[in-house]
Amino acid sequence: MRPYTSEEISAFAKWLTQACQEVGLTAEQYGAKVRIIAQSHFLTEEVECRPDGDGNLRWWWSWGKPIAARNDSARVLTPDEVDDLVDVIRQVVTLPIRRRP
């Protein structure tokens, strides 16, 4: 597997940032990382595009796990599966906040 350049990785991050913004999420790019800020500002997530142990480029949650498909947690998403990736991210950052009674 050939190594990816920082320009290629940043291009994937830019693509994800724009896709998140198109569906109404606030997203900011910082190199290979994309910060998604929920409307409530309580659920902010930062994902990063970087190679896995085998050199395959993947998206990673802030807690260090690769991002998997919404309906198949065994299938890790590739960087160019942006629509599926946005769906998974939106599911995480738009969870309703539980209010204490």
C-alpha atoms as a PDB file:
ATOM      1  CA  MET A   1       0.000   0.000   0.000  1.00  0.00           C
ATOM      2  CA  ARG A   2       1.426   3.372  -0.961  1.00  0.00           C
ATOM      3  CA  PRO A   3       1.677   6.063   1.695  1.00  0.00           C
ATOM      4  CA  TYR A   4      -0.800   8.929   1.541  1.00  0.00           C
ATOM      5  CA  THR A   5       0.392  12.517   1.398  1.00  0.00           C
ATOM      6  CA  SER A   6      -0.847  15.101   3.862  1.00  0.00           C
ATOM      7  CA  GLU A   7      -2.461  16.911   0.907  1.00  0.00           C
ATOM      8  CA  GLU A   8      -4.497  13.820   0.013  1.00  0.00           C
ATOM      9  CA  ILE A   9      -5.590  13.325   3.606  1.00  0.00           C
ATOM     10  CA  SER A  10      -6.504  17.011   3.949  1.00  0.00           C
ATOM     11  CA  ALA A  11      -8.565  16.725   0.753  1.00  0.00           C
ATOM     12  CA  PHE A  12     -10.629  13.916   2.335  1.00  0.00           C
ATOM     13  CA  ALA A  13     -11.087  16.063   5.445  1.00  0.00           C
ATOM     14  CA  LYS A  14     -12.217  19.006   3.319  1.00  0.00           C
ATOM     15  CA  TRP A  15     -14.706  16.766   1.502  1.00  0.00           C
ATOM     16  CA  LEU A  16     -16.120  15.529   4.811  1.00  0.00           C
ATOM     17  CA  THR A  17     -16.305  19.080   6.197  1.00  0.00           C
ATOM     18  CA  GLN A  18     -18.286  20.269   3.189  1.00  0.00           C
ATOM     19  CA  ALA A  19     -20.592  17.220   3.270  1.00  0.00           C
ATOM     20  CA  CYS A  20     -21.351  17.821   6.957  1.00  0.00           C
ATOM     21  CA  GLN A  21     -22.094  21.493   6.281  1.00  0.00           C
ATOM     22  CA  GLU A  22     -24.427  20.563   3.407  1.00  0.00           C
ATOM     23  CA  VAL A  23     -26.650  18.588   5.805  1.00  0.00           C
ATOM     24  CA  GLY A  24     -26.746  21.419   8.335  1.00  0.00           C
ATOM     25  CA  LEU A  25     -23.977  20.395  10.725  1.00  0.00           C
ATOM     26  CA  THR A  26     -21.379  22.903  11.856  1.00  0.00           C
ATOM     27  CA  ALA A  27     -18.034  21.448  10.788  1.00  0.00           C
ATOM     28  CA  GLU A  28     -14.536  22.881  10.877  1.00  0.00           C
ATOM     29  CA  GLN A  29     -11.436  21.373   9.307  1.00  0.00           C
ATOM     30  CA  TYR A  30      -8.054  21.323  11.035  1.00  0.00           C
ATOM     31  CA  GLY A  31      -5.693  19.501   8.666  1.00  0.00           C
ATOM     32  CA  ALA A  32      -6.645  15.810   8.806  1.00  0.00           C
ATOM     33  CA  LYS A  33      -9.198  16.417  11.571  1.00  0.00           C
ATOM     34  CA  VAL A  34     -12.783  17.581  11.313  1.00  0.00           C
ATOM     35  CA  ARG A  35     -14.613  18.984  14.328  1.00  0.00           C
ATOM     36  CA  ILE A  36     -18.391  18.639  14.176  1.00  0.00           C
ATOM     37  CA  ILE A  37     -20.262  20.864  16.602  1.00  0.00           C
ATOM     38  CA  ALA A  38     -23.824  19.912  17.455  1.00  0.00           C
ATOM     39  CA  GLN A  39     -26.468  22.606  17.588  1.00  0.00           C
ATOM     40  CA  SER A  40     -26.731  22.107  21.340  1.00  0.00           C
ATOM     41  CA  HIS A  41     -22.928  22.525  21.654  1.00  0.00           C
ATOM     42  CA  PHE A  42     -22.985  19.675  24.184  1.00  0.00           C
ATOM     43  CA  LEU A  43     -22.115  16.960  21.704  1.00  0.00           C
ATOM     44  CA  THR A  44     -19.040  17.947  19.767  1.00  0.00           C
ATOM     45  CA  GLU A  45     -17.041  15.257  18.012  1.00  0.00           C
ATOM     46  CA  GLU A  46     -13.675  15.369  16.307  1.00  0.00           C
ATOM     47  CA  VAL A  47     -12.845  12.722  13.712  1.00  0.00           C
ATOM     48  CA  GLU A  48      -9.506  12.174  12.040  1.00  0.00           C
ATOM     49  CA  CYS A  49      -8.461  10.682   8.716  1.00  0.00           C
ATOM     50  CA  ARG A  50      -5.315   8.559   9.066  1.00  0.00           C
ATOM     51  CA  PRO A  51      -3.937   5.148   8.063  1.00  0.00           C
ATOM     52  CA  ASP A  52      -4.667   2.037  10.098  1.00  0.00           C
ATOM     53  CA  GLY A  53      -2.046  -0.585  11.001  1.00  0.00           C
ATOM     54  CA  ASP A  54      -2.184  -2.041   7.476  1.00  0.00           C
ATOM     55  CA  GLY A  55      -1.731   1.355   5.801  1.00  0.00           C
ATOM     56  CA  ASN A  56      -5.384   1.667   4.738  1.00  0.00           C
ATOM     57  CA  LEU A  57      -6.737   5.168   5.132  1.00  0.00           C
ATOM     58  CA  ARG A  58      -9.636   5.278   7.607  1.00  0.00           C
ATOM     59  CA  TRP A  59     -11.687   7.718   9.657  1.00  0.00           C
ATOM     60  CA  TRP A  60     -11.243   7.524  13.430  1.00  0.00           C
ATOM     61  CA  TRP A  61     -13.417   8.669  16.325  1.00  0.00           C
ATOM     62  CA  SER A  62     -11.819  10.898  18.956  1.00  0.00           C
ATOM     63  CA  TRP A  63     -11.702   7.896  21.316  1.00  0.00           C
ATOM     64  CA  GLY A  64      -9.428   5.969  18.920  1.00  0.00           C
ATOM     65  CA  LYS A  65     -11.846   3.550  17.225  1.00  0.00           C
ATOM     66  CA  PRO A  66     -12.292   3.370  13.440  1.00  0.00           C
ATOM     67  CA  ILE A  67     -15.688   4.540  12.226  1.00  0.00           C
ATOM     68  CA  ALA A  68     -17.873   1.646  11.120  1.00  0.00           C
ATOM     69  CA  ALA A  69     -20.939   1.552   8.908  1.00  0.00           C
ATOM     70  CA  ARG A  70     -24.183   2.438  10.647  1.00  0.00           C
ATOM     71  CA  ASN A  71     -25.943  -0.832   9.778  1.00  0.00           C
ATOM     72  CA  ASP A  72     -22.873  -3.111   9.858  1.00  0.00           C
ATOM     73  CA  SER A  73     -20.504  -2.409  12.730  1.00  0.00           C
ATOM     74  CA  ALA A  74     -18.034  -4.983  11.391  1.00  0.00           C
ATOM     75  CA  ARG A  75     -17.467  -2.964   8.192  1.00  0.00           C
ATOM     76  CA  VAL A  76     -15.109  -0.034   8.659  1.00  0.00           C
ATOM     77  CA  LEU A  77     -15.859   2.866   6.338  1.00  0.00           C
ATOM     78  CA  THR A  78     -13.325   4.037   3.773  1.00  0.00           C
ATOM     79  CA  PRO A  79     -12.557   7.748   3.397  1.00  0.00           C
ATOM     80  CA  ASP A  80     -14.550   8.043   0.179  1.00  0.00           C
ATOM     81  CA  GLU A  81     -17.796   6.738   1.738  1.00  0.00           C
ATOM     82  CA  VAL A  82     -18.647  10.284   2.780  1.00  0.00           C
ATOM     83  CA  ASP A  83     -22.445   9.986   2.672  1.00  0.00           C
ATOM     84  CA  ASP A  84     -22.394   6.965   4.995  1.00  0.00           C
ATOM     85  CA  LEU A  85     -19.836   8.684   7.197  1.00  0.00           C
ATOM     86  CA  VAL A  86     -21.983  11.810   7.553  1.00  0.00           C
ATOM     87  CA  ASP A  87     -24.979   9.657   8.525  1.00  0.00           C
ATOM     88  CA  VAL A  88     -22.975   7.965  11.292  1.00  0.00           C
ATOM     89  CA  ILE A  89     -21.554  11.260  12.566  1.00  0.00           C
ATOM     90  CA  ARG A  90     -24.962  12.931  12.506  1.00  0.00           C
ATOM     91  CA  GLN A  91     -26.386  10.065  14.555  1.00  0.00           C
ATOM     92  CA  VAL A  92     -23.722  10.663  17.223  1.00  0.00           C
ATOM     93  CA  VAL A  93     -23.824  14.460  17.456  1.00  0.00           C
ATOM     94  CA  THR A  94     -27.599  14.829  17.324  1.00  0.00           C
ATOM     95  CA  LEU A  95     -28.492  12.505  20.167  1.00  0.00           C
ATOM     96  CA  PRO A  96     -31.060  14.177  22.389  1.00  0.00           C
ATOM     97  CA  ILE A  97     -29.750  15.336  25.743  1.00  0.00           C
ATOM     98  CA  ARG A  98     -31.479  13.656  28.674  1.00  0.00           C
ATOM     99  CA  ARG A  99     -32.805  16.118  31.166  1.00  0.00           C
ATOM    100  CA  ARG A 100     -32.966  15.225  34.819  1.00  0.00           C
ATOM    101  CA  PRO A 101     -36.488  15.211  36.225  1.00  0.00           C
END
